[in-house]
Amino acid sequence: SRLQTTLRRLLGAKGLSVNAPPRPGLS
């Protein structure tokens, strides 16, 4: 959540999202 907020602000991209891995062990 904090990464998403910071990256949206830094990059000026409201459509940017940071998503949890679809399965454990993935990025």
PDB file of all heavy atoms in Angstrom:
ATOM      1  N   SER A   1       0.830  -1.206   0.000  1.00  0.00           N
ATOM      2  CA  SER A   1       0.000   0.000   0.000  1.00  0.00           C
ATOM      3  C   SER A   1       0.869   1.263   0.000  1.00  0.00           C
ATOM      4  O   SER A   1       0.609   2.212  -0.749  1.00  0.00           O
ATOM      5  CB  SER A   1      -0.916  -0.017   1.221  1.00  0.00           C
ATOM      6  OG  SER A   1      -1.666   1.168   1.289  1.00  0.00           O
ATOM      7  N   ARG A   2       1.901   1.284   0.826  1.00  0.00           N
ATOM      8  CA  ARG A   2       2.783   2.451   0.908  1.00  0.00           C
ATOM      9  C   ARG A   2       3.569   2.644  -0.380  1.00  0.00           C
ATOM     10  O   ARG A   2       3.770   3.780  -0.834  1.00  0.00           O
ATOM     11  CB  ARG A   2       3.713   2.304   2.107  1.00  0.00           C
ATOM     12  CG  ARG A   2       2.941   2.405   3.427  1.00  0.00           C
ATOM     13  CD  ARG A   2       3.727   2.043   4.674  1.00  0.00           C
ATOM     14  NE  ARG A   2       5.065   2.556   4.685  1.00  0.00           N
ATOM     15  CZ  ARG A   2       6.128   1.836   5.047  1.00  0.00           C
ATOM     16  NH1 ARG A   2       5.998   0.589   5.436  1.00  0.00           N
ATOM     17  NH2 ARG A   2       7.324   2.377   5.049  1.00  0.00           N
ATOM     18  N   LEU A   3       4.025   1.542  -0.983  1.00  0.00           N
ATOM     19  CA  LEU A   3       4.731   1.635  -2.261  1.00  0.00           C
ATOM     20  C   LEU A   3       3.821   2.206  -3.344  1.00  0.00           C
ATOM     21  O   LEU A   3       4.229   3.068  -4.129  1.00  0.00           O
ATOM     22  CB  LEU A   3       5.236   0.250  -2.699  1.00  0.00           C
ATOM     23  CG  LEU A   3       6.493  -0.252  -2.003  1.00  0.00           C
ATOM     24  CD1 LEU A   3       6.659  -1.748  -2.251  1.00  0.00           C
ATOM     25  CD2 LEU A   3       7.708   0.518  -2.498  1.00  0.00           C
ATOM     26  N   GLN A   4       2.583   1.732  -3.393  1.00  0.00           N
ATOM     27  CA  GLN A   4       1.636   2.218  -4.398  1.00  0.00           C
ATOM     28  C   GLN A   4       1.404   3.721  -4.242  1.00  0.00           C
ATOM     29  O   GLN A   4       1.455   4.464  -5.225  1.00  0.00           O
ATOM     30  CB  GLN A   4       0.312   1.457  -4.289  1.00  0.00           C
ATOM     31  CG  GLN A   4      -0.725   1.942  -5.293  1.00  0.00           C
ATOM     32  CD  GLN A   4      -1.937   1.052  -5.282  1.00  0.00           C
ATOM     33  OE1 GLN A   4      -1.868  -0.050  -5.812  1.00  0.00           O
ATOM     34  NE2 GLN A   4      -3.017   1.508  -4.690  1.00  0.00           N
ATOM     35  N   THR A   5       1.182   4.173  -3.025  1.00  0.00           N
ATOM     36  CA  THR A   5       0.964   5.595  -2.768  1.00  0.00           C
ATOM     37  C   THR A   5       2.171   6.421  -3.197  1.00  0.00           C
ATOM     38  O   THR A   5       2.044   7.438  -3.888  1.00  0.00           O
ATOM     39  CB  THR A   5       0.672   5.831  -1.267  1.00  0.00           C
ATOM     40  OG1 THR A   5      -0.525   5.132  -0.925  1.00  0.00           O
ATOM     41  CG2 THR A   5       0.516   7.307  -0.955  1.00  0.00           C
ATOM     42  N   THR A   6       3.355   5.971  -2.830  1.00  0.00           N
ATOM     43  CA  THR A   6       4.583   6.701  -3.151  1.00  0.00           C
ATOM     44  C   THR A   6       4.856   6.718  -4.656  1.00  0.00           C
ATOM     45  O   THR A   6       5.187   7.766  -5.224  1.00  0.00           O
ATOM     46  CB  THR A   6       5.780   6.088  -2.404  1.00  0.00           C
ATOM     47  OG1 THR A   6       5.513   6.156  -0.996  1.00  0.00           O
ATOM     48  CG2 THR A   6       7.065   6.819  -2.721  1.00  0.00           C
ATOM     49  N   LEU A   7       4.703   5.575  -5.315  1.00  0.00           N
ATOM     50  CA  LEU A   7       4.970   5.516  -6.758  1.00  0.00           C
ATOM     51  C   LEU A   7       3.962   6.334  -7.553  1.00  0.00           C
ATOM     52  O   LEU A   7       4.326   6.994  -8.530  1.00  0.00           O
ATOM     53  CB  LEU A   7       4.991   4.065  -7.237  1.00  0.00           C
ATOM     54  CG  LEU A   7       6.198   3.259  -6.764  1.00  0.00           C
ATOM     55  CD1 LEU A   7       6.011   1.780  -7.074  1.00  0.00           C
ATOM     56  CD2 LEU A   7       7.480   3.787  -7.397  1.00  0.00           C
ATOM     57  N   ARG A   8       2.697   6.319  -7.148  1.00  0.00           N
ATOM     58  CA  ARG A   8       1.693   7.155  -7.822  1.00  0.00           C
ATOM     59  C   ARG A   8       2.072   8.626  -7.731  1.00  0.00           C
ATOM     60  O   ARG A   8       1.975   9.371  -8.700  1.00  0.00           O
ATOM     61  CB  ARG A   8       0.311   6.943  -7.211  1.00  0.00           C
ATOM     62  CG  ARG A   8      -0.370   5.678  -7.651  1.00  0.00           C
ATOM     63  CD  ARG A   8      -1.717   5.533  -6.985  1.00  0.00           C
ATOM     64  NE  ARG A   8      -2.422   4.362  -7.489  1.00  0.00           N
ATOM     65  CZ  ARG A   8      -3.578   3.951  -7.013  1.00  0.00           C
ATOM     66  NH1 ARG A   8      -4.174   4.593  -6.027  1.00  0.00           N
ATOM     67  NH2 ARG A   8      -4.151   2.878  -7.524  1.00  0.00           N
ATOM     68  N   ARG A   9       2.516   9.035  -6.542  1.00  0.00           N
ATOM     69  CA  ARG A   9       2.901  10.438  -6.336  1.00  0.00           C
ATOM     70  C   ARG A   9       4.169  10.776  -7.134  1.00  0.00           C
ATOM     71  O   ARG A   9       4.214  11.762  -7.850  1.00  0.00           O
ATOM     72  CB  ARG A   9       3.121  10.705  -4.848  1.00  0.00           C
ATOM     73  CG  ARG A   9       3.546  12.137  -4.539  1.00  0.00           C
ATOM     74  CD  ARG A   9       3.757  12.369  -3.051  1.00  0.00           C
ATOM     75  NE  ARG A   9       4.601  11.392  -2.391  1.00  0.00           N
ATOM     76  CZ  ARG A   9       5.943  11.393  -2.424  1.00  0.00           C
ATOM     77  NH1 ARG A   9       6.580  12.328  -3.093  1.00  0.00           N
ATOM     78  NH2 ARG A   9       6.630  10.475  -1.777  1.00  0.00           N
ATOM     79  N   LEU A  10       5.190   9.951  -7.027  1.00  0.00           N
ATOM     80  CA  LEU A  10       6.462  10.225  -7.695  1.00  0.00           C
ATOM     81  C   LEU A  10       6.347  10.228  -9.219  1.00  0.00           C
ATOM     82  O   LEU A  10       6.978  11.036  -9.898  1.00  0.00           O
ATOM     83  CB  LEU A  10       7.514   9.186  -7.291  1.00  0.00           C
ATOM     84  CG  LEU A  10       8.095   9.292  -5.894  1.00  0.00           C
ATOM     85  CD1 LEU A  10       8.986   8.094  -5.609  1.00  0.00           C
ATOM     86  CD2 LEU A  10       8.874  10.591  -5.734  1.00  0.00           C
ATOM     87  N   LEU A  11       5.561   9.300  -9.746  1.00  0.00           N
ATOM     88  CA  LEU A  11       5.457   9.144 -11.197  1.00  0.00           C
ATOM     89  C   LEU A  11       4.250   9.862 -11.793  1.00  0.00           C
ATOM     90  O   LEU A  11       4.095   9.887 -13.010  1.00  0.00           O
ATOM     91  CB  LEU A  11       5.417   7.653 -11.556  1.00  0.00           C
ATOM     92  CG  LEU A  11       6.636   6.841 -11.078  1.00  0.00           C
ATOM     93  CD1 LEU A  11       6.427   5.363 -11.349  1.00  0.00           C
ATOM     94  CD2 LEU A  11       7.917   7.353 -11.723  1.00  0.00           C
ATOM     95  N   GLY A  12       3.391  10.418 -10.941  1.00  0.00           N
ATOM     96  CA  GLY A  12       2.204  11.111 -11.441  1.00  0.00           C
ATOM     97  C   GLY A  12       1.290  10.195 -12.219  1.00  0.00           C
ATOM     98  O   GLY A  12       0.706  10.594 -13.220  1.00  0.00           O
ATOM     99  N   ALA A  13       1.170   8.961 -11.753  1.00  0.00           N
ATOM    100  CA  ALA A  13       0.383   7.956 -12.465  1.00  0.00           C
ATOM    101  C   ALA A  13      -0.716   7.408 -11.561  1.00  0.00           C
ATOM    102  O   ALA A  13      -0.481   6.478 -10.786  1.00  0.00           O
ATOM    103  CB  ALA A  13       1.292   6.831 -12.949  1.00  0.00           C
ATOM    104  N   LYS A  14      -1.913   7.980 -11.662  1.00  0.00           N
ATOM    105  CA  LYS A  14      -3.029   7.522 -10.829  1.00  0.00           C
ATOM    106  C   LYS A  14      -3.454   6.100 -11.168  1.00  0.00           C
ATOM    107  O   LYS A  14      -4.005   5.390 -10.338  1.00  0.00           O
ATOM    108  CB  LYS A  14      -4.211   8.476 -10.964  1.00  0.00           C
ATOM    109  CG  LYS A  14      -3.934   9.828 -10.364  1.00  0.00           C
ATOM    110  CD  LYS A  14      -5.122  10.750 -10.495  1.00  0.00           C
ATOM    111  CE  LYS A  14      -4.771  12.107  -9.918  1.00  0.00           C
ATOM    112  NZ  LYS A  14      -5.846  13.066 -10.056  1.00  0.00           N
ATOM    113  N   GLY A  15      -3.208   5.658 -12.416  1.00  0.00           N
ATOM    114  CA  GLY A  15      -3.593   4.320 -12.842  1.00  0.00           C
ATOM    115  C   GLY A  15      -2.595   3.248 -12.456  1.00  0.00           C
ATOM    116  O   GLY A  15      -2.777   2.078 -12.774  1.00  0.00           O
ATOM    117  N   LEU A  16      -1.541   3.623 -11.734  1.00  0.00           N
ATOM    118  CA  LEU A  16      -0.518   2.674 -11.321  1.00  0.00           C
ATOM    119  C   LEU A  16      -1.008   1.888 -10.105  1.00  0.00           C
ATOM    120  O   LEU A  16      -1.626   2.448  -9.202  1.00  0.00           O
ATOM    121  CB  LEU A  16       0.748   3.457 -10.956  1.00  0.00           C
ATOM    122  CG  LEU A  16       1.959   2.641 -10.524  1.00  0.00           C
ATOM    123  CD1 LEU A  16       3.213   3.279 -11.060  1.00  0.00           C
ATOM    124  CD2 LEU A  16       2.017   2.534  -9.025  1.00  0.00           C
ATOM    125  N   SER A  17      -0.749   0.588 -10.095  1.00  0.00           N
ATOM    126  CA  SER A  17      -1.097  -0.220  -8.930  1.00  0.00           C
ATOM    127  C   SER A  17       0.039  -1.177  -8.611  1.00  0.00           C
ATOM    128  O   SER A  17       0.775  -1.620  -9.495  1.00  0.00           O
ATOM    129  CB  SER A  17      -2.401  -0.988  -9.141  1.00  0.00           C
ATOM    130  OG  SER A  17      -2.288  -1.880 -10.216  1.00  0.00           O
ATOM    131  N   VAL A  18       0.187  -1.456  -7.332  1.00  0.00           N
ATOM    132  CA  VAL A  18       1.148  -2.442  -6.852  1.00  0.00           C
ATOM    133  C   VAL A  18       0.314  -3.593  -6.312  1.00  0.00           C
ATOM    134  O   VAL A  18      -0.495  -3.415  -5.406  1.00  0.00           O
ATOM    135  CB  VAL A  18       2.061  -1.840  -5.759  1.00  0.00           C
ATOM    136  CG1 VAL A  18       3.007  -2.901  -5.228  1.00  0.00           C
ATOM    137  CG2 VAL A  18       2.840  -0.650  -6.314  1.00  0.00           C
ATOM    138  N   ASN A  19       0.481  -4.768  -6.913  1.00  0.00           N
ATOM    139  CA  ASN A  19      -0.378  -5.910  -6.614  1.00  0.00           C
ATOM    140  C   ASN A  19       0.383  -7.019  -5.905  1.00  0.00           C
ATOM    141  O   ASN A  19       1.505  -7.363  -6.306  1.00  0.00           O
ATOM    142  CB  ASN A  19      -0.975  -6.469  -7.908  1.00  0.00           C
ATOM    143  CG  ASN A  19      -1.687  -5.396  -8.700  1.00  0.00           C
ATOM    144  OD1 ASN A  19      -2.434  -4.603  -8.150  1.00  0.00           O
ATOM    145  ND2 ASN A  19      -1.435  -5.337  -9.989  1.00  0.00           N
ATOM    146  N   ALA A  20      -0.247  -7.579  -4.887  1.00  0.00           N
ATOM    147  CA  ALA A  20       0.335  -8.720  -4.183  1.00  0.00           C
ATOM    148  C   ALA A  20       0.543  -9.863  -5.175  1.00  0.00           C
ATOM    149  O   ALA A  20      -0.156  -9.959  -6.189  1.00  0.00           O
ATOM    150  CB  ALA A  20      -0.596  -9.152  -3.060  1.00  0.00           C
ATOM    151  N   PRO A  21       1.483 -10.730  -4.886  1.00  0.00           N
ATOM    152  CA  PRO A  21       1.730 -11.867  -5.794  1.00  0.00           C
ATOM    153  C   PRO A  21       0.480 -12.727  -5.951  1.00  0.00           C
ATOM    154  O   PRO A  21      -0.250 -12.929  -4.979  1.00  0.00           O
ATOM    155  CB  PRO A  21       2.835 -12.661  -5.097  1.00  0.00           C
ATOM    156  CG  PRO A  21       3.373 -11.795  -4.023  1.00  0.00           C
ATOM    157  CD  PRO A  21       2.352 -10.759  -3.720  1.00  0.00           C
ATOM    158  N   PRO A  22       0.233 -13.223  -7.154  1.00  0.00           N
ATOM    159  CA  PRO A  22      -0.935 -14.081  -7.374  1.00  0.00           C
ATOM    160  C   PRO A  22      -0.852 -15.395  -6.584  1.00  0.00           C
ATOM    161  O   PRO A  22      -1.865 -15.981  -6.244  1.00  0.00           O
ATOM    162  CB  PRO A  22      -0.946 -14.336  -8.880  1.00  0.00           C
ATOM    163  CG  PRO A  22       0.388 -13.900  -9.387  1.00  0.00           C
ATOM    164  CD  PRO A  22       0.996 -12.997  -8.380  1.00  0.00           C
ATOM    165  N   ARG A  23       0.381 -15.847  -6.308  1.00  0.00           N
ATOM    166  CA  ARG A  23       0.606 -17.062  -5.521  1.00  0.00           C
ATOM    167  C   ARG A  23       1.835 -16.831  -4.638  1.00  0.00           C
ATOM    168  O   ARG A  23       2.741 -16.090  -5.015  1.00  0.00           O
ATOM    169  CB  ARG A  23       0.873 -18.263  -6.438  1.00  0.00           C
ATOM    170  CG  ARG A  23      -0.310 -18.677  -7.278  1.00  0.00           C
ATOM    171  CD  ARG A  23      -0.049 -19.989  -8.040  1.00  0.00           C
ATOM    172  NE  ARG A  23       1.244 -20.113  -8.673  1.00  0.00           N
ATOM    173  CZ  ARG A  23       1.527 -19.710  -9.923  1.00  0.00           C
ATOM    174  NH1 ARG A  23       0.610 -19.141 -10.667  1.00  0.00           N
ATOM    175  NH2 ARG A  23       2.724 -19.882 -10.425  1.00  0.00           N
ATOM    176  N   PRO A  24       1.889 -17.472  -3.487  1.00  0.00           N
ATOM    177  CA  PRO A  24       3.064 -17.342  -2.622  1.00  0.00           C
ATOM    178  C   PRO A  24       4.343 -17.711  -3.375  1.00  0.00           C
ATOM    179  O   PRO A  24       4.347 -18.619  -4.206  1.00  0.00           O
ATOM    180  CB  PRO A  24       2.792 -18.339  -1.485  1.00  0.00           C
ATOM    181  CG  PRO A  24       1.307 -18.505  -1.474  1.00  0.00           C
ATOM    182  CD  PRO A  24       0.867 -18.353  -2.906  1.00  0.00           C
ATOM    183  N   GLY A  25       5.395 -16.972  -3.104  1.00  0.00           N
ATOM    184  CA  GLY A  25       6.678 -17.253  -3.745  1.00  0.00           C
ATOM    185  C   GLY A  25       6.918 -16.468  -5.012  1.00  0.00           C
ATOM    186  O   GLY A  25       8.037 -16.452  -5.527  1.00  0.00           O
ATOM    187  N   LEU A  26       5.868 -15.815  -5.547  1.00  0.00           N
ATOM    188  CA  LEU A  26       6.029 -15.013  -6.758  1.00  0.00           C
ATOM    189  C   LEU A  26       6.289 -13.560  -6.386  1.00  0.00           C
ATOM    190  O   LEU A  26       6.122 -13.157  -5.235  1.00  0.00           O
ATOM    191  CB  LEU A  26       4.787 -15.118  -7.645  1.00  0.00           C
ATOM    192  CG  LEU A  26       4.478 -16.505  -8.210  1.00  0.00           C
ATOM    193  CD1 LEU A  26       3.217 -16.454  -9.059  1.00  0.00           C
ATOM    194  CD2 LEU A  26       5.643 -17.026  -9.038  1.00  0.00           C
ATOM    195  N   SER A  27       6.666 -12.761  -7.356  1.00  0.00           N
ATOM    196  CA  SER A  27       7.003 -11.355  -7.125  1.00  0.00           C
ATOM    197  C   SER A  27       5.756 -10.479  -7.033  1.00  0.00           C
ATOM    198  O   SER A  27       4.717 -10.785  -7.608  1.00  0.00           O
ATOM    199  CB  SER A  27       7.853 -10.837  -8.281  1.00  0.00           C
ATOM    200  OG  SER A  27       9.054 -11.551  -8.370  1.00  0.00           O
TER     201      SER A  27
END
